[in-house]
PDB file of N, CA and C in Angstrom:
ATOM      1  N   MET A   1      20.212   3.551   0.880  1.00  0.00           N
ATOM      2  CA  MET A   1      19.777   3.069  -0.414  1.00  0.00           C
ATOM      3  C   MET A   1      18.251   3.014  -0.410  1.00  0.00           C
ATOM      4  N   SER A   2      17.647   3.639  -1.398  1.00  0.00           N
ATOM      5  CA  SER A   2      16.191   3.645  -1.459  1.00  0.00           C
ATOM      6  C   SER A   2      15.691   2.392  -2.165  1.00  0.00           C
ATOM      7  N   LYS A   3      14.487   2.015  -1.823  1.00  0.00           N
ATOM      8  CA  LYS A   3      13.869   0.818  -2.391  1.00  0.00           C
ATOM      9  C   LYS A   3      12.997   1.200  -3.571  1.00  0.00           C
ATOM     10  N   ASP A   4      12.862   0.308  -4.510  1.00  0.00           N
ATOM     11  CA  ASP A   4      11.979   0.498  -5.656  1.00  0.00           C
ATOM     12  C   ASP A   4      10.626  -0.123  -5.293  1.00  0.00           C
ATOM     13  N   PHE A   5       9.753   0.692  -4.722  1.00  0.00           N
ATOM     14  CA  PHE A   5       8.479   0.177  -4.227  1.00  0.00           C
ATOM     15  C   PHE A   5       7.562  -0.277  -5.346  1.00  0.00           C
ATOM     16  N   SER A   6       7.701   0.331  -6.502  1.00  0.00           N
ATOM     17  CA  SER A   6       6.923  -0.126  -7.646  1.00  0.00           C
ATOM     18  C   SER A   6       7.333  -1.551  -8.008  1.00  0.00           C
ATOM     19  N   ALA A   7       8.632  -1.811  -8.015  1.00  0.00           N
ATOM     20  CA  ALA A   7       9.125  -3.168  -8.310  1.00  0.00           C
ATOM     21  C   ALA A   7       8.709  -4.146  -7.219  1.00  0.00           C
ATOM     22  N   ILE A   8       8.749  -3.702  -5.963  1.00  0.00           N
ATOM     23  CA  ILE A   8       8.315  -4.571  -4.861  1.00  0.00           C
ATOM     24  C   ILE A   8       6.857  -4.946  -5.039  1.00  0.00           C
ATOM     25  N   ALA A   9       6.003  -3.951  -5.347  1.00  0.00           N
ATOM     26  CA  ALA A   9       4.567  -4.219  -5.529  1.00  0.00           C
ATOM     27  C   ALA A   9       4.329  -5.115  -6.738  1.00  0.00           C
ATOM     28  N   ASP A  10       5.027  -4.841  -7.838  1.00  0.00           N
ATOM     29  CA  ASP A  10       4.854  -5.655  -9.050  1.00  0.00           C
ATOM     30  C   ASP A  10       5.337  -7.089  -8.819  1.00  0.00           C
ATOM     31  N   ASP A  11       6.465  -7.243  -8.126  1.00  0.00           N
ATOM     32  CA  ASP A  11       6.987  -8.569  -7.813  1.00  0.00           C
ATOM     33  C   ASP A  11       6.012  -9.327  -6.908  1.00  0.00           C
ATOM     34  N   LEU A  12       5.470  -8.636  -5.937  1.00  0.00           N
ATOM     35  CA  LEU A  12       4.486  -9.247  -5.041  1.00  0.00           C
ATOM     36  C   LEU A  12       3.271  -9.721  -5.828  1.00  0.00           C
ATOM     37  N   ASN A  13       2.773  -8.882  -6.731  1.00  0.00           N
ATOM     38  CA  ASN A  13       1.612  -9.271  -7.540  1.00  0.00           C
ATOM     39  C   ASN A  13       1.910 -10.499  -8.395  1.00  0.00           C
ATOM     40  N   ALA A  14       3.112 -10.578  -8.942  1.00  0.00           N
ATOM     41  CA  ALA A  14       3.499 -11.743  -9.754  1.00  0.00           C
ATOM     42  C   ALA A  14       3.555 -13.003  -8.895  1.00  0.00           C
ATOM     43  N   LYS A  15       4.099 -12.886  -7.699  1.00  0.00           N
ATOM     44  CA  LYS A  15       4.173 -14.037  -6.798  1.00  0.00           C
ATOM     45  C   LYS A  15       2.779 -14.473  -6.337  1.00  0.00           C
ATOM     46  N   ILE A  16       1.916 -13.503  -6.098  1.00  0.00           N
ATOM     47  CA  ILE A  16       0.549 -13.837  -5.699  1.00  0.00           C
ATOM     48  C   ILE A  16      -0.170 -14.554  -6.838  1.00  0.00           C
ATOM     49  N   ALA A  17       0.086 -14.157  -8.079  1.00  0.00           N
ATOM     50  CA  ALA A  17      -0.527 -14.831  -9.233  1.00  0.00           C
ATOM     51  C   ALA A  17      -0.119 -16.301  -9.273  1.00  0.00           C
ATOM     52  N   VAL A  18       1.136 -16.592  -8.979  1.00  0.00           N
ATOM     53  CA  VAL A  18       1.599 -17.981  -8.935  1.00  0.00           C
ATOM     54  C   VAL A  18       0.900 -18.728  -7.800  1.00  0.00           C
ATOM     55  N   LEU A  19       0.774 -18.076  -6.654  1.00  0.00           N
ATOM     56  CA  LEU A  19       0.079 -18.685  -5.517  1.00  0.00           C
ATOM     57  C   LEU A  19      -1.379 -18.964  -5.864  1.00  0.00           C
ATOM     58  N   LYS A  20      -2.024 -18.032  -6.582  1.00  0.00           N
ATOM     59  CA  LYS A  20      -3.416 -18.241  -7.003  1.00  0.00           C
ATOM     60  C   LYS A  20      -3.547 -19.458  -7.902  1.00  0.00           C
ATOM     61  N   ASP A  21      -2.567 -19.668  -8.783  1.00  0.00           N
ATOM     62  CA  ASP A  21      -2.588 -20.844  -9.652  1.00  0.00           C
ATOM     63  C   ASP A  21      -2.463 -22.130  -8.851  1.00  0.00           C
ATOM     64  N   GLY A  22      -1.637 -22.110  -7.830  1.00  0.00           N
ATOM     65  CA  GLY A  22      -1.398 -23.305  -7.039  1.00  0.00           C
ATOM     66  C   GLY A  22      -2.459 -23.584  -5.997  1.00  0.00           C
ATOM     67  N   SER A  23      -3.127 -22.548  -5.545  1.00  0.00           N
ATOM     68  CA  SER A  23      -4.122 -22.691  -4.480  1.00  0.00           C
ATOM     69  C   SER A  23      -5.338 -21.811  -4.790  1.00  0.00           C
ATOM     70  N   PRO A  24      -6.052 -22.127  -5.870  1.00  0.00           N
ATOM     71  CA  PRO A  24      -7.109 -21.228  -6.336  1.00  0.00           C
ATOM     72  C   PRO A  24      -8.268 -21.050  -5.351  1.00  0.00           C
ATOM     73  N   ASP A  25      -8.669 -22.098  -4.664  1.00  0.00           N
ATOM     74  CA  ASP A  25      -9.825 -21.979  -3.761  1.00  0.00           C
ATOM     75  C   ASP A  25      -9.518 -21.066  -2.577  1.00  0.00           C
ATOM     76  N   ALA A  26      -8.385 -21.303  -1.929  1.00  0.00           N
ATOM     77  CA  ALA A  26      -8.018 -20.487  -0.773  1.00  0.00           C
ATOM     78  C   ALA A  26      -7.779 -19.034  -1.182  1.00  0.00           C
ATOM     79  N   MET A  27      -7.112 -18.834  -2.319  1.00  0.00           N
ATOM     80  CA  MET A  27      -6.833 -17.469  -2.760  1.00  0.00           C
ATOM     81  C   MET A  27      -8.101 -16.754  -3.207  1.00  0.00           C
ATOM     82  N   ALA A  28      -9.046 -17.479  -3.784  1.00  0.00           N
ATOM     83  CA  ALA A  28     -10.331 -16.869  -4.150  1.00  0.00           C
ATOM     84  C   ALA A  28     -11.071 -16.423  -2.891  1.00  0.00           C
ATOM     85  N   ALA A  29     -11.004 -17.249  -1.859  1.00  0.00           N
ATOM     86  CA  ALA A  29     -11.651 -16.884  -0.597  1.00  0.00           C
ATOM     87  C   ALA A  29     -10.983 -15.656   0.020  1.00  0.00           C
ATOM     88  N   PHE A  30      -9.652 -15.630  -0.031  1.00  0.00           N
ATOM     89  CA  PHE A  30      -8.927 -14.479   0.494  1.00  0.00           C
ATOM     90  C   PHE A  30      -9.254 -13.227  -0.319  1.00  0.00           C
ATOM     91  N   GLY A  31      -9.348 -13.375  -1.643  1.00  0.00           N
ATOM     92  CA  GLY A  31      -9.713 -12.249  -2.504  1.00  0.00           C
ATOM     93  C   GLY A  31     -11.104 -11.734  -2.199  1.00  0.00           C
ATOM     94  N   ALA A  32     -12.033 -12.646  -1.939  1.00  0.00           N
ATOM     95  CA  ALA A  32     -13.397 -12.238  -1.586  1.00  0.00           C
ATOM     96  C   ALA A  32     -13.411 -11.482  -0.262  1.00  0.00           C
ATOM     97  N   LEU A  33     -12.595 -11.933   0.686  1.00  0.00           N
ATOM     98  CA  LEU A  33     -12.483 -11.228   1.963  1.00  0.00           C
ATOM     99  C   LEU A  33     -11.966  -9.805   1.735  1.00  0.00           C
ATOM    100  N   GLY A  34     -10.966  -9.680   0.879  1.00  0.00           N
ATOM    101  CA  GLY A  34     -10.432  -8.351   0.576  1.00  0.00           C
ATOM    102  C   GLY A  34     -11.472  -7.448  -0.056  1.00  0.00           C
ATOM    103  N   LYS A  35     -12.230  -7.972  -1.017  1.00  0.00           N
ATOM    104  CA  LYS A  35     -13.279  -7.164  -1.659  1.00  0.00           C
ATOM    105  C   LYS A  35     -14.318  -6.710  -0.645  1.00  0.00           C
ATOM    106  N   ALA A  36     -14.697  -7.607   0.245  1.00  0.00           N
ATOM    107  CA  ALA A  36     -15.685  -7.252   1.271  1.00  0.00           C
ATOM    108  C   ALA A  36     -15.114  -6.243   2.264  1.00  0.00           C
ATOM    109  N   THR A  37     -13.847  -6.386   2.571  1.00  0.00           N
ATOM    110  CA  THR A  37     -13.213  -5.534   3.574  1.00  0.00           C
ATOM    111  C   THR A  37     -12.950  -4.131   3.058  1.00  0.00           C
ATOM    112  N   TYR A  38     -12.438  -4.004   1.848  1.00  0.00           N
ATOM    113  CA  TYR A  38     -11.969  -2.712   1.354  1.00  0.00           C
ATOM    114  C   TYR A  38     -13.013  -1.918   0.582  1.00  0.00           C
ATOM    115  N   ARG A  39     -14.270  -2.262   0.737  1.00  0.00           N
ATOM    116  CA  ARG A  39     -15.337  -1.449   0.133  1.00  0.00           C
ATOM    117  C   ARG A  39     -15.689  -0.323   1.107  1.00  0.00           C
ATOM    118  N   ASP A  40     -16.304   0.729   0.566  1.00  0.00           N
ATOM    119  CA  ASP A  40     -16.788   1.794   1.433  1.00  0.00           C
ATOM    120  C   ASP A  40     -17.884   1.246   2.344  1.00  0.00           C
ATOM    121  N   GLY A  41     -17.840   1.606   3.588  1.00  0.00           N
ATOM    122  CA  GLY A  41     -18.846   1.224   4.579  1.00  0.00           C
ATOM    123  C   GLY A  41     -18.876   2.323   5.623  1.00  0.00           C
ATOM    124  N   ALA A  42     -18.927   1.954   6.883  1.00  0.00           N
ATOM    125  CA  ALA A  42     -18.840   2.958   7.942  1.00  0.00           C
ATOM    126  C   ALA A  42     -17.504   3.698   7.845  1.00  0.00           C
ATOM    127  N   LEU A  43     -16.469   2.980   7.411  1.00  0.00           N
ATOM    128  CA  LEU A  43     -15.179   3.596   7.097  1.00  0.00           C
ATOM    129  C   LEU A  43     -15.022   3.609   5.583  1.00  0.00           C
ATOM    130  N   SER A  44     -14.417   4.652   5.068  1.00  0.00           N
ATOM    131  CA  SER A  44     -14.178   4.708   3.622  1.00  0.00           C
ATOM    132  C   SER A  44     -13.099   3.695   3.239  1.00  0.00           C
ATOM    133  N   ALA A  45     -13.110   3.303   1.973  1.00  0.00           N
ATOM    134  CA  ALA A  45     -12.083   2.397   1.465  1.00  0.00           C
ATOM    135  C   ALA A  45     -10.701   3.025   1.644  1.00  0.00           C
ATOM    136  N   LYS A  46     -10.596   4.328   1.468  1.00  0.00           N
ATOM    137  CA  LYS A  46      -9.320   5.030   1.651  1.00  0.00           C
ATOM    138  C   LYS A  46      -8.843   4.893   3.093  1.00  0.00           C
ATOM    139  N   THR A  47      -9.738   5.088   4.050  1.00  0.00           N
ATOM    140  CA  THR A  47      -9.377   4.961   5.462  1.00  0.00           C
ATOM    141  C   THR A  47      -8.900   3.545   5.765  1.00  0.00           C
ATOM    142  N   LYS A  48      -9.576   2.561   5.198  1.00  0.00           N
ATOM    143  CA  LYS A  48      -9.177   1.170   5.420  1.00  0.00           C
ATOM    144  C   LYS A  48      -7.792   0.899   4.845  1.00  0.00           C
ATOM    145  N   GLU A  49      -7.460   1.496   3.707  1.00  0.00           N
ATOM    146  CA  GLU A  49      -6.126   1.327   3.152  1.00  0.00           C
ATOM    147  C   GLU A  49      -5.076   1.987   4.041  1.00  0.00           C
ATOM    148  N   LEU A  50      -5.410   3.118   4.626  1.00  0.00           N
ATOM    149  CA  LEU A  50      -4.481   3.784   5.540  1.00  0.00           C
ATOM    150  C   LEU A  50      -4.268   2.940   6.801  1.00  0.00           C
ATOM    151  N   ILE A  51      -5.313   2.313   7.292  1.00  0.00           N
ATOM    152  CA  ILE A  51      -5.178   1.400   8.439  1.00  0.00           C
ATOM    153  C   ILE A  51      -4.260   0.244   8.061  1.00  0.00           C
ATOM    154  N   ALA A  52      -4.483  -0.330   6.888  1.00  0.00           N
ATOM    155  CA  ALA A  52      -3.638  -1.436   6.435  1.00  0.00           C
ATOM    156  C   ALA A  52      -2.182  -0.987   6.289  1.00  0.00           C
ATOM    157  N   LEU A  53      -1.967   0.232   5.819  1.00  0.00           N
ATOM    158  CA  LEU A  53      -0.616   0.767   5.707  1.00  0.00           C
ATOM    159  C   LEU A  53       0.025   0.860   7.088  1.00  0.00           C
ATOM    160  N   ALA A  54      -0.720   1.338   8.076  1.00  0.00           N
ATOM    161  CA  ALA A  54      -0.191   1.430   9.442  1.00  0.00           C
ATOM    162  C   ALA A  54       0.184   0.049   9.977  1.00  0.00           C
ATOM    163  N   ILE A  55      -0.635  -0.938   9.703  1.00  0.00           N
ATOM    164  CA  ILE A  55      -0.330  -2.299  10.151  1.00  0.00           C
ATOM    165  C   ILE A  55       0.911  -2.821   9.433  1.00  0.00           C
ATOM    166  N   GLY A  56       1.029  -2.548   8.137  1.00  0.00           N
ATOM    167  CA  GLY A  56       2.222  -2.944   7.396  1.00  0.00           C
ATOM    168  C   GLY A  56       3.484  -2.332   7.985  1.00  0.00           C
ATOM    169  N   ILE A  57       3.382  -1.083   8.431  1.00  0.00           N
ATOM    170  CA  ILE A  57       4.524  -0.408   9.055  1.00  0.00           C
ATOM    171  C   ILE A  57       4.883  -1.097  10.369  1.00  0.00           C
ATOM    172  N   THR A  58       3.886  -1.305  11.237  1.00  0.00           N
ATOM    173  CA  THR A  58       4.185  -1.896  12.543  1.00  0.00           C
ATOM    174  C   THR A  58       4.633  -3.351  12.423  1.00  0.00           C
ATOM    175  N   ASP A  59       4.197  -4.048  11.361  1.00  0.00           N
ATOM    176  CA  ASP A  59       4.644  -5.429  11.134  1.00  0.00           C
ATOM    177  C   ASP A  59       5.944  -5.499  10.336  1.00  0.00           C
ATOM    178  N   ARG A  60       6.439  -4.348   9.873  1.00  0.00           N
ATOM    179  CA  ARG A  60       7.690  -4.250   9.115  1.00  0.00           C
ATOM    180  C   ARG A  60       7.659  -5.108   7.855  1.00  0.00           C
ATOM    181  N   CYS A  61       6.601  -4.926   7.083  1.00  0.00           N
ATOM    182  CA  CYS A  61       6.360  -5.741   5.888  1.00  0.00           C
ATOM    183  C   CYS A  61       6.511  -4.878   4.637  1.00  0.00           C
ATOM    184  N   ASP A  62       7.634  -5.015   3.921  1.00  0.00           N
ATOM    185  CA  ASP A  62       7.870  -4.220   2.716  1.00  0.00           C
ATOM    186  C   ASP A  62       6.766  -4.409   1.680  1.00  0.00           C
ATOM    187  N   GLY A  63       6.364  -5.654   1.449  1.00  0.00           N
ATOM    188  CA  GLY A  63       5.309  -5.919   0.476  1.00  0.00           C
ATOM    189  C   GLY A  63       4.003  -5.263   0.867  1.00  0.00           C
ATOM    190  N   CYS A  64       3.677  -5.312   2.161  1.00  0.00           N
ATOM    191  CA  CYS A  64       2.450  -4.677   2.653  1.00  0.00           C
ATOM    192  C   CYS A  64       2.507  -3.162   2.452  1.00  0.00           C
ATOM    193  N   ILE A  65       3.666  -2.587   2.759  1.00  0.00           N
ATOM    194  CA  ILE A  65       3.841  -1.147   2.588  1.00  0.00           C
ATOM    195  C   ILE A  65       3.674  -0.765   1.122  1.00  0.00           C
ATOM    196  N   ALA A  66       4.342  -1.498   0.235  1.00  0.00           N
ATOM    197  CA  ALA A  66       4.247  -1.186  -1.192  1.00  0.00           C
ATOM    198  C   ALA A  66       2.807  -1.324  -1.675  1.00  0.00           C
ATOM    199  N   PHE A  67       2.157  -2.425  -1.338  1.00  0.00           N
ATOM    200  CA  PHE A  67       0.799  -2.687  -1.805  1.00  0.00           C
ATOM    201  C   PHE A  67      -0.174  -1.632  -1.278  1.00  0.00           C
ATOM    202  N   HIS A  68      -0.122  -1.350   0.021  1.00  0.00           N
ATOM    203  CA  HIS A  68      -1.117  -0.451   0.606  1.00  0.00           C
ATOM    204  C   HIS A  68      -0.783   1.033   0.408  1.00  0.00           C
ATOM    205  N   ALA A  69       0.492   1.379   0.216  1.00  0.00           N
ATOM    206  CA  ALA A  69       0.823   2.766  -0.153  1.00  0.00           C
ATOM    207  C   ALA A  69       0.264   3.066  -1.536  1.00  0.00           C
ATOM    208  N   ARG A  70       0.430   2.116  -2.464  1.00  0.00           N
ATOM    209  CA  ARG A  70      -0.111   2.296  -3.812  1.00  0.00           C
ATOM    210  C   ARG A  70      -1.646   2.346  -3.756  1.00  0.00           C
ATOM    211  N   ALA A  71      -2.242   1.438  -3.012  1.00  0.00           N
ATOM    212  CA  ALA A  71      -3.709   1.403  -2.920  1.00  0.00           C
ATOM    213  C   ALA A  71      -4.252   2.677  -2.268  1.00  0.00           C
ATOM    214  N   ALA A  72      -3.572   3.177  -1.241  1.00  0.00           N
ATOM    215  CA  ALA A  72      -4.012   4.419  -0.590  1.00  0.00           C
ATOM    216  C   ALA A  72      -3.940   5.581  -1.568  1.00  0.00           C
ATOM    217  N   MET A  73      -2.865   5.649  -2.355  1.00  0.00           N
ATOM    218  CA  MET A  73      -2.729   6.705  -3.358  1.00  0.00           C
ATOM    219  C   MET A  73      -3.863   6.597  -4.373  1.00  0.00           C
ATOM    220  N   ARG A  74      -4.129   5.378  -4.826  1.00  0.00           N
ATOM    221  CA  ARG A  74      -5.192   5.180  -5.816  1.00  0.00           C
ATOM    222  C   ARG A  74      -6.569   5.513  -5.255  1.00  0.00           C
ATOM    223  N   ARG A  75      -6.743   5.366  -3.961  1.00  0.00           N
ATOM    224  CA  ARG A  75      -8.024   5.700  -3.311  1.00  0.00           C
ATOM    225  C   ARG A  75      -8.114   7.184  -2.960  1.00  0.00           C
ATOM    226  N   GLY A  76      -7.093   7.954  -3.297  1.00  0.00           N
ATOM    227  CA  GLY A  76      -7.157   9.402  -3.106  1.00  0.00           C
ATOM    228  C   GLY A  76      -6.537   9.920  -1.826  1.00  0.00           C
ATOM    229  N   ALA A  77      -5.755   9.113  -1.140  1.00  0.00           N
ATOM    230  CA  ALA A  77      -5.104   9.579   0.086  1.00  0.00           C
ATOM    231  C   ALA A  77      -4.129  10.702  -0.249  1.00  0.00           C
ATOM    232  N   THR A  78      -4.035  11.636   0.651  1.00  0.00           N
ATOM    233  CA  THR A  78      -3.084  12.730   0.503  1.00  0.00           C
ATOM    234  C   THR A  78      -1.803  12.407   1.265  1.00  0.00           C
ATOM    235  N   ARG A  79      -0.768  13.130   0.960  1.00  0.00           N
ATOM    236  CA  ARG A  79       0.497  12.939   1.674  1.00  0.00           C
ATOM    237  C   ARG A  79       0.313  13.227   3.160  1.00  0.00           C
ATOM    238  N   ASP A  80      -0.464  14.253   3.491  1.00  0.00           N
ATOM    239  CA  ASP A  80      -0.709  14.565   4.902  1.00  0.00           C
ATOM    240  C   ASP A  80      -1.442  13.426   5.610  1.00  0.00           C
ATOM    241  N   GLU A  81      -2.388  12.783   4.928  1.00  0.00           N
ATOM    242  CA  GLU A  81      -3.088  11.637   5.529  1.00  0.00           C
ATOM    243  C   GLU A  81      -2.124  10.471   5.755  1.00  0.00           C
ATOM    244  N   VAL A  82      -1.225  10.257   4.808  1.00  0.00           N
ATOM    245  CA  VAL A  82      -0.224   9.202   4.965  1.00  0.00           C
ATOM    246  C   VAL A  82       0.710   9.539   6.130  1.00  0.00           C
ATOM    247  N   LEU A  83       1.113  10.790   6.238  1.00  0.00           N
ATOM    248  CA  LEU A  83       1.980  11.190   7.346  1.00  0.00           C
ATOM    249  C   LEU A  83       1.300  10.962   8.699  1.00  0.00           C
ATOM    250  N   GLU A  84       0.023  11.295   8.814  1.00  0.00           N
ATOM    251  CA  GLU A  84      -0.681  11.063  10.082  1.00  0.00           C
ATOM    252  C   GLU A  84      -0.847   9.578  10.357  1.00  0.00           C
ATOM    253  N   THR A  85      -1.038   8.787   9.307  1.00  0.00           N
ATOM    254  CA  THR A  85      -1.094   7.333   9.457  1.00  0.00           C
ATOM    255  C   THR A  85       0.236   6.821   9.998  1.00  0.00           C
ATOM    256  N   ILE A  86       1.322   7.341   9.458  1.00  0.00           N
ATOM    257  CA  ILE A  86       2.655   6.959   9.924  1.00  0.00           C
ATOM    258  C   ILE A  86       2.844   7.367  11.381  1.00  0.00           C
ATOM    259  N   ASP A  87       2.356   8.548  11.752  1.00  0.00           N
ATOM    260  CA  ASP A  87       2.449   8.989  13.147  1.00  0.00           C
ATOM    261  C   ASP A  87       1.796   7.977  14.091  1.00  0.00           C
ATOM    262  N   VAL A  88       0.615   7.510  13.721  1.00  0.00           N
ATOM    263  CA  VAL A  88      -0.090   6.533  14.557  1.00  0.00           C
ATOM    264  C   VAL A  88       0.712   5.237  14.632  1.00  0.00           C
ATOM    265  N   ALA A  89       1.231   4.785  13.508  1.00  0.00           N
ATOM    266  CA  ALA A  89       2.014   3.553  13.493  1.00  0.00           C
ATOM    267  C   ALA A  89       3.259   3.679  14.364  1.00  0.00           C
ATOM    268  N   ILE A  90       3.914   4.826  14.301  1.00  0.00           N
ATOM    269  CA  ILE A  90       5.102   5.042  15.127  1.00  0.00           C
ATOM    270  C   ILE A  90       4.722   5.024  16.600  1.00  0.00           C
ATOM    271  N   GLN A  91       3.631   5.688  16.955  1.00  0.00           N
ATOM    272  CA  GLN A  91       3.202   5.709  18.348  1.00  0.00           C
ATOM    273  C   GLN A  91       2.903   4.296  18.838  1.00  0.00           C
ATOM    274  N   MET A  92       2.318   3.485  17.987  1.00  0.00           N
ATOM    275  CA  MET A  92       1.957   2.121  18.374  1.00  0.00           C
ATOM    276  C   MET A  92       3.153   1.169  18.320  1.00  0.00           C
ATOM    277  N   GLY A  93       4.093   1.417  17.419  1.00  0.00           N
ATOM    278  CA  GLY A  93       5.169   0.458  17.198  1.00  0.00           C
ATOM    279  C   GLY A  93       6.558   0.913  17.575  1.00  0.00           C
ATOM    280  N   GLY A  94       6.728   2.148  18.027  1.00  0.00           N
ATOM    281  CA  GLY A  94       8.028   2.623  18.464  1.00  0.00           C
ATOM    282  C   GLY A  94       9.036   2.810  17.337  1.00  0.00           C
ATOM    283  N   GLY A  95      10.316   2.677  17.700  1.00  0.00           N
ATOM    284  CA  GLY A  95      11.423   2.933  16.777  1.00  0.00           C
ATOM    285  C   GLY A  95      11.368   2.157  15.478  1.00  0.00           C
ATOM    286  N   PRO A  96      11.100   0.825  15.516  1.00  0.00           N
ATOM    287  CA  PRO A  96      11.021   0.099  14.245  1.00  0.00           C
ATOM    288  C   PRO A  96       9.933   0.657  13.324  1.00  0.00           C
ATOM    289  N   SER A  97       8.843   1.128  13.895  1.00  0.00           N
ATOM    290  CA  SER A  97       7.793   1.712  13.067  1.00  0.00           C
ATOM    291  C   SER A  97       8.226   3.043  12.479  1.00  0.00           C
ATOM    292  N   MET A  98       9.105   3.766  13.170  1.00  0.00           N
ATOM    293  CA  MET A  98       9.620   5.009  12.607  1.00  0.00           C
ATOM    294  C   MET A  98      10.446   4.684  11.355  1.00  0.00           C
ATOM    295  N   VAL A  99      11.266   3.640  11.425  1.00  0.00           N
ATOM    296  CA  VAL A  99      12.066   3.242  10.268  1.00  0.00           C
ATOM    297  C   VAL A  99      11.144   2.856   9.113  1.00  0.00           C
ATOM    298  N   TYR A 100      10.164   2.001   9.373  1.00  0.00           N
ATOM    299  CA  TYR A 100       9.274   1.556   8.314  1.00  0.00           C
ATOM    300  C   TYR A 100       8.274   2.642   7.912  1.00  0.00           C
ATOM    301  N   GLY A 101       7.995   3.579   8.806  1.00  0.00           N
ATOM    302  CA  GLY A 101       7.172   4.732   8.430  1.00  0.00           C
ATOM    303  C   GLY A 101       7.862   5.574   7.380  1.00  0.00           C
ATOM    304  N   SER A 102       9.173   5.739   7.521  1.00  0.00           N
ATOM    305  CA  SER A 102       9.914   6.493   6.495  1.00  0.00           C
ATOM    306  C   SER A 102       9.888   5.734   5.176  1.00  0.00           C
ATOM    307  N   GLU A 103       9.906   4.401   5.233  1.00  0.00           N
ATOM    308  CA  GLU A 103       9.794   3.590   4.018  1.00  0.00           C
ATOM    309  C   GLU A 103       8.413   3.766   3.385  1.00  0.00           C
ATOM    310  N   ALA A 104       7.363   3.800   4.217  1.00  0.00           N
ATOM    311  CA  ALA A 104       6.006   3.963   3.700  1.00  0.00           C
ATOM    312  C   ALA A 104       5.843   5.312   3.003  1.00  0.00           C
ATOM    313  N   LEU A 105       6.414   6.360   3.576  1.00  0.00           N
ATOM    314  CA  LEU A 105       6.331   7.677   2.948  1.00  0.00           C
ATOM    315  C   LEU A 105       7.094   7.686   1.632  1.00  0.00           C
ATOM    316  N   ALA A 106       8.249   7.054   1.600  1.00  0.00           N
ATOM    317  CA  ALA A 106       9.009   6.961   0.348  1.00  0.00           C
ATOM    318  C   ALA A 106       8.213   6.204  -0.705  1.00  0.00           C
ATOM    319  N   ALA A 107       7.532   5.137  -0.288  1.00  0.00           N
ATOM    320  CA  ALA A 107       6.716   4.358  -1.225  1.00  0.00           C
ATOM    321  C   ALA A 107       5.579   5.211  -1.772  1.00  0.00           C
ATOM    322  N   PHE A 108       4.846   5.892  -0.893  1.00  0.00           N
ATOM    323  CA  PHE A 108       3.726   6.733  -1.328  1.00  0.00           C
ATOM    324  C   PHE A 108       4.224   7.808  -2.286  1.00  0.00           C
ATOM    325  N   ASP A 109       5.307   8.493  -1.924  1.00  0.00           N
ATOM    326  CA  ASP A 109       5.857   9.544  -2.785  1.00  0.00           C
ATOM    327  C   ASP A 109       6.289   8.989  -4.138  1.00  0.00           C
ATOM    328  N   ALA A 110       6.864   7.795  -4.149  1.00  0.00           N
ATOM    329  CA  ALA A 110       7.298   7.184  -5.403  1.00  0.00           C
ATOM    330  C   ALA A 110       6.103   6.886  -6.302  1.00  0.00           C
ATOM    331  N   PHE A 111       5.009   6.397  -5.722  1.00  0.00           N
ATOM    332  CA  PHE A 111       3.830   6.098  -6.530  1.00  0.00           C
ATOM    333  C   PHE A 111       3.175   7.375  -7.062  1.00  0.00           C
ATOM    334  N   VAL A 112       3.157   8.429  -6.271  1.00  0.00           N
ATOM    335  CA  VAL A 112       2.623   9.709  -6.745  1.00  0.00           C
ATOM    336  C   VAL A 112       3.470  10.232  -7.896  1.00  0.00           C
ATOM    337  N   GLU A 113       4.794  10.154  -7.758  1.00  0.00           N
ATOM    338  CA  GLU A 113       5.697  10.614  -8.817  1.00  0.00           C
ATOM    339  C   GLU A 113       5.537   9.760 -10.076  1.00  0.00           C
ATOM    340  N   GLU A 114       5.417   8.452  -9.889  1.00  0.00           N
ATOM    341  CA  GLU A 114       5.228   7.551 -11.030  1.00  0.00           C
ATOM    342  C   GLU A 114       3.943   7.905 -11.787  1.00  0.00           C
ATOM    343  N   ARG A 115       2.876   8.182 -11.053  1.00  0.00           N
ATOM    344  CA  ARG A 115       1.611   8.570 -11.682  1.00  0.00           C
ATOM    345  C   ARG A 115       1.778   9.882 -12.437  1.00  0.00           C
ATOM    346  N   ALA A 116       2.457  10.842 -11.834  1.00  0.00           N
ATOM    347  CA  ALA A 116       2.665  12.141 -12.481  1.00  0.00           C
ATOM    348  C   ALA A 116       3.477  11.982 -13.767  1.00  0.00           C
ATOM    349  N   GLN A 117       4.487  11.133 -13.734  1.00  0.00           N
ATOM    350  CA  GLN A 117       5.302  10.898 -14.929  1.00  0.00           C
ATOM    351  C   GLN A 117       4.482  10.244 -16.037  1.00  0.00           C
ATOM    352  N   ARG A 118       3.629   9.280 -15.671  1.00  0.00           N
ATOM    353  CA  ARG A 118       2.785   8.627 -16.680  1.00  0.00           C
ATOM    354  C   ARG A 118       1.839   9.637 -17.312  1.00  0.00           C
ATOM    355  N   ARG A 119       1.302  10.540 -16.507  1.00  0.00           N
ATOM    356  CA  ARG A 119       0.380  11.549 -17.037  1.00  0.00           C
ATOM    357  C   ARG A 119       1.098  12.509 -17.977  1.00  0.00           C
ATOM    358  N   LYS A 120       2.347  12.820 -17.685  1.00  0.00           N
ATOM    359  CA  LYS A 120       3.115  13.720 -18.545  1.00  0.00           C
ATOM    360  C   LYS A 120       3.406  13.096 -19.901  1.00  0.00           C
ATOM    361  N   THR A 121       3.545  11.780 -19.941  1.00  0.00           N
ATOM    362  CA  THR A 121       3.915  11.115 -21.192  1.00  0.00           C
ATOM    363  C   THR A 121       2.722  10.693 -22.028  1.00  0.00           C
ATOM    364  N   ARG A 122       1.525  10.919 -21.537  1.00  0.00           N
ATOM    365  CA  ARG A 122       0.337  10.593 -22.325  1.00  0.00           C
ATOM    366  C   ARG A 122       0.232  11.544 -23.503  1.00  0.00           C
ATOM    367  N   PRO A 123      -0.228  11.043 -24.648  1.00  0.00           N
ATOM    368  CA  PRO A 123      -0.342  11.900 -25.834  1.00  0.00           C
ATOM    369  C   PRO A 123      -1.317  13.056 -25.642  1.00  0.00           C
ATOM    370  N   ASP A 124      -2.351  12.863 -24.819  1.00  0.00           N
ATOM    371  CA  ASP A 124      -3.356  13.916 -24.631  1.00  0.00           C
ATOM    372  C   ASP A 124      -2.935  14.904 -23.553  1.00  0.00           C
ATOM    373  N   GLY A 125      -1.735  14.720 -22.984  1.00  0.00           N
ATOM    374  CA  GLY A 125      -1.163  15.651 -22.033  1.00  0.00           C
ATOM    375  C   GLY A 125      -1.693  15.478 -20.697  1.00  0.00           C
TER     376      GLY A 125
END
């Protein structure tokens, strides 16, 4: 059974919004850390998202996979870059990472397909 990674990411974002309401100071600090971390620097923002995706795979975190697969796609990652990221995660995490690596690839592919479908339905083509 395949997972709906778009729904996982959207559900995660909704839950994080509730957490932000309940703990605004801590979540603002965490958000600032993310902004500082995921900017282009010695490593590109895309590379940092791929690293985060690999960590999500090795930690077996569906929400992390959904969030960072979408972010990697939005930062311009290619399917081949995602596959190599998965290779590294599998090497570092063994069999469980292979299972979650296949989930990460499914998530990335789903987000690419979702983007393509949205572009097809735009009035300007």
